[in-house]
N, C-alpha and C. Protein backbone atom coordinates (compact mmCIF):
# COMPACT_ATOMS: atom_id res chain seq x y z
N MET A 1 4.27 17.47 -9.57
CA MET A 1 3.81 18.60 -10.36
C MET A 1 3.39 19.77 -9.48
N GLY A 2 2.69 19.50 -8.41
CA GLY A 2 2.22 20.57 -7.55
C GLY A 2 3.33 21.35 -6.88
N LEU A 3 4.46 20.71 -6.72
CA LEU A 3 5.61 21.35 -6.08
C LEU A 3 6.12 22.53 -6.91
N PHE A 4 6.15 22.37 -8.22
CA PHE A 4 6.65 23.44 -9.09
C PHE A 4 5.70 24.64 -9.12
N ARG A 5 4.43 24.37 -9.06
CA ARG A 5 3.46 25.48 -9.03
C ARG A 5 3.59 26.28 -7.74
N LYS A 6 3.79 25.58 -6.65
CA LYS A 6 3.93 26.26 -5.37
C LYS A 6 5.18 27.15 -5.38
N LYS A 7 6.26 26.64 -5.94
CA LYS A 7 7.50 27.41 -6.02
C LYS A 7 7.29 28.67 -6.87
N SER A 8 6.60 28.52 -7.97
CA SER A 8 6.33 29.66 -8.85
C SER A 8 5.45 30.70 -8.15
N LYS A 9 4.47 30.20 -7.42
CA LYS A 9 3.57 31.09 -6.69
C LYS A 9 4.32 31.86 -5.60
N LEU A 10 5.21 31.17 -4.87
CA LEU A 10 6.01 31.81 -3.84
C LEU A 10 6.94 32.87 -4.44
N LYS A 11 7.58 32.52 -5.55
CA LYS A 11 8.49 33.46 -6.20
C LYS A 11 7.74 34.71 -6.62
N LYS A 12 6.57 34.55 -7.20
CA LYS A 12 5.78 35.69 -7.65
C LYS A 12 5.41 36.58 -6.46
N GLY A 13 5.04 35.96 -5.34
CA GLY A 13 4.68 36.73 -4.14
C GLY A 13 5.86 37.52 -3.61
N TYR A 14 7.02 36.88 -3.55
CA TYR A 14 8.21 37.57 -3.04
C TYR A 14 8.70 38.64 -4.03
N ASP A 15 8.52 38.40 -5.31
CA ASP A 15 8.90 39.41 -6.29
C ASP A 15 8.04 40.66 -6.14
N GLU A 16 6.75 40.47 -5.92
CA GLU A 16 5.85 41.62 -5.71
C GLU A 16 6.24 42.37 -4.43
N LYS A 17 6.57 41.63 -3.40
CA LYS A 17 6.98 42.24 -2.13
C LYS A 17 8.27 43.04 -2.33
N LEU A 18 9.22 42.50 -3.11
CA LEU A 18 10.46 43.20 -3.39
C LEU A 18 10.21 44.49 -4.16
N LEU A 19 9.30 44.45 -5.13
CA LEU A 19 8.97 45.66 -5.89
C LEU A 19 8.36 46.73 -4.98
N MET A 20 7.52 46.31 -4.04
CA MET A 20 6.93 47.27 -3.11
C MET A 20 8.02 47.87 -2.21
N LEU A 21 8.96 47.05 -1.76
CA LEU A 21 10.06 47.56 -0.94
C LEU A 21 10.92 48.55 -1.71
N ILE A 22 11.17 48.26 -2.97
CA ILE A 22 11.97 49.16 -3.80
C ILE A 22 11.27 50.50 -3.94
N GLU A 23 9.97 50.46 -4.21
CA GLU A 23 9.21 51.70 -4.36
C GLU A 23 9.23 52.51 -3.06
N HIS A 24 9.03 51.83 -1.93
CA HIS A 24 9.04 52.51 -0.63
C HIS A 24 10.41 53.12 -0.34
N GLN A 25 11.47 52.37 -0.63
CA GLN A 25 12.82 52.87 -0.35
C GLN A 25 13.19 54.03 -1.27
N LYS A 26 12.70 54.00 -2.51
CA LYS A 26 12.96 55.10 -3.43
C LYS A 26 12.32 56.39 -2.90
N GLU A 27 11.09 56.26 -2.40
CA GLU A 27 10.41 57.42 -1.82
C GLU A 27 11.17 57.96 -0.62
N ALA A 28 11.67 57.05 0.23
CA ALA A 28 12.43 57.47 1.41
C ALA A 28 13.71 58.18 0.99
N TRP A 29 14.37 57.68 -0.02
CA TRP A 29 15.62 58.29 -0.51
C TRP A 29 15.34 59.67 -1.09
N GLU A 30 14.30 59.78 -1.92
CA GLU A 30 13.95 61.08 -2.51
C GLU A 30 13.55 62.08 -1.44
N GLN A 31 12.84 61.63 -0.42
CA GLN A 31 12.43 62.51 0.67
C GLN A 31 13.65 63.01 1.44
N SER A 32 14.61 62.14 1.69
CA SER A 32 15.80 62.57 2.43
C SER A 32 16.65 63.52 1.57
N LYS A 33 16.69 63.32 0.24
CA LYS A 33 17.40 64.25 -0.63
C LYS A 33 16.74 65.62 -0.60
N LEU A 34 15.40 65.63 -0.66
CA LEU A 34 14.67 66.89 -0.62
C LEU A 34 14.88 67.60 0.71
N LEU A 35 14.84 66.87 1.80
CA LEU A 35 15.06 67.46 3.12
C LEU A 35 16.46 68.04 3.23
N GLU A 36 17.44 67.36 2.66
CA GLU A 36 18.81 67.85 2.70
C GLU A 36 18.96 69.14 1.89
N GLU A 37 18.22 69.26 0.78
CA GLU A 37 18.26 70.48 -0.02
C GLU A 37 17.60 71.65 0.69
N ILE A 38 16.54 71.36 1.43
CA ILE A 38 15.79 72.42 2.10
C ILE A 38 16.55 72.98 3.30
N ILE A 39 17.20 72.10 4.06
CA ILE A 39 17.89 72.52 5.27
C ILE A 39 19.11 73.36 4.91
N VAL A 40 19.23 74.51 5.56
CA VAL A 40 20.33 75.43 5.28
C VAL A 40 21.64 74.91 5.90
N GLU A 41 21.58 74.54 7.15
CA GLU A 41 22.77 74.07 7.85
C GLU A 41 22.89 72.55 7.70
N GLU A 42 24.01 72.11 7.15
CA GLU A 42 24.20 70.68 6.92
C GLU A 42 24.49 69.96 8.24
N HIS A 43 23.81 68.86 8.45
CA HIS A 43 23.98 68.08 9.66
C HIS A 43 24.51 66.69 9.27
N PRO A 44 25.52 66.21 9.97
CA PRO A 44 26.12 64.91 9.60
C PRO A 44 25.13 63.74 9.66
N LYS A 45 24.20 63.78 10.62
CA LYS A 45 23.23 62.69 10.73
C LYS A 45 22.31 62.67 9.52
N GLN A 46 21.90 63.82 9.06
CA GLN A 46 21.02 63.89 7.89
C GLN A 46 21.73 63.34 6.65
N LYS A 47 23.00 63.68 6.52
CA LYS A 47 23.78 63.19 5.38
C LYS A 47 23.93 61.67 5.46
N ALA A 48 24.17 61.15 6.66
CA ALA A 48 24.30 59.71 6.85
C ALA A 48 22.98 59.00 6.55
N ASP A 49 21.86 59.59 6.97
CA ASP A 49 20.55 59.01 6.69
C ASP A 49 20.29 58.94 5.19
N ARG A 50 20.67 59.99 4.47
CA ARG A 50 20.47 60.02 3.02
C ARG A 50 21.32 58.94 2.35
N LYS A 51 22.56 58.82 2.77
CA LYS A 51 23.44 57.81 2.17
C LYS A 51 22.96 56.39 2.49
N LEU A 52 22.42 56.19 3.68
CA LEU A 52 21.88 54.88 4.05
C LEU A 52 20.66 54.55 3.20
N ALA A 53 19.76 55.52 3.02
CA ALA A 53 18.58 55.30 2.19
C ALA A 53 18.98 55.00 0.75
N GLN A 54 19.99 55.70 0.25
CA GLN A 54 20.47 55.47 -1.10
C GLN A 54 21.06 54.06 -1.23
N ALA A 55 21.85 53.65 -0.26
CA ALA A 55 22.47 52.32 -0.30
C ALA A 55 21.41 51.22 -0.25
N LYS A 56 20.39 51.39 0.58
CA LYS A 56 19.31 50.40 0.65
C LYS A 56 18.58 50.31 -0.68
N TYR A 57 18.30 51.46 -1.29
CA TYR A 57 17.58 51.47 -2.57
C TYR A 57 18.39 50.75 -3.64
N PHE A 58 19.67 51.05 -3.76
CA PHE A 58 20.48 50.42 -4.79
C PHE A 58 20.68 48.93 -4.52
N TYR A 59 20.73 48.53 -3.26
CA TYR A 59 20.84 47.10 -2.94
C TYR A 59 19.58 46.36 -3.40
N LEU A 60 18.42 46.93 -3.09
CA LEU A 60 17.16 46.30 -3.50
C LEU A 60 17.04 46.27 -5.02
N PHE A 61 17.48 47.34 -5.67
CA PHE A 61 17.44 47.42 -7.13
C PHE A 61 18.34 46.33 -7.74
N LYS A 62 19.51 46.15 -7.15
CA LYS A 62 20.44 45.11 -7.62
C LYS A 62 19.82 43.72 -7.44
N GLU A 63 19.17 43.50 -6.32
CA GLU A 63 18.53 42.22 -6.06
C GLU A 63 17.42 41.95 -7.09
N ALA A 64 16.69 42.99 -7.47
CA ALA A 64 15.65 42.83 -8.49
C ALA A 64 16.27 42.45 -9.83
N ARG A 65 17.40 43.03 -10.16
CA ARG A 65 18.08 42.66 -11.41
C ARG A 65 18.57 41.22 -11.37
N VAL A 66 19.07 40.78 -10.23
CA VAL A 66 19.53 39.39 -10.09
C VAL A 66 18.37 38.43 -10.26
N ARG A 67 17.22 38.80 -9.71
CA ARG A 67 16.03 37.94 -9.79
C ARG A 67 15.31 38.08 -11.12
N ASN A 68 15.79 39.00 -11.96
CA ASN A 68 15.24 39.23 -13.29
C ASN A 68 13.77 39.64 -13.25
N ILE A 69 13.46 40.62 -12.40
CA ILE A 69 12.10 41.14 -12.34
C ILE A 69 12.14 42.62 -12.70
N SER A 70 11.03 43.10 -13.21
CA SER A 70 10.94 44.52 -13.55
C SER A 70 9.64 45.08 -13.01
N GLY A 71 9.64 46.36 -12.77
CA GLY A 71 8.48 47.03 -12.20
C GLY A 71 7.59 47.60 -13.27
N LYS A 72 6.86 48.62 -12.87
CA LYS A 72 5.89 49.25 -13.76
C LYS A 72 6.56 49.91 -14.87
């Protein structure tokens, strides 16, 4: 019996950690989008950083859907 409780407790902890990562990555993506809008001259590295942040955010979001968790 104790084994199932421990598994549930671990899952809840990792789910909370995943939600925090999603929130952090969303902020990073929004910040890079804002920076790209502000900068007059487009730089390839900035564009690559924005696309990387976007890809990370959507990957984490997809993982949350697979794990069937929702945020605030």
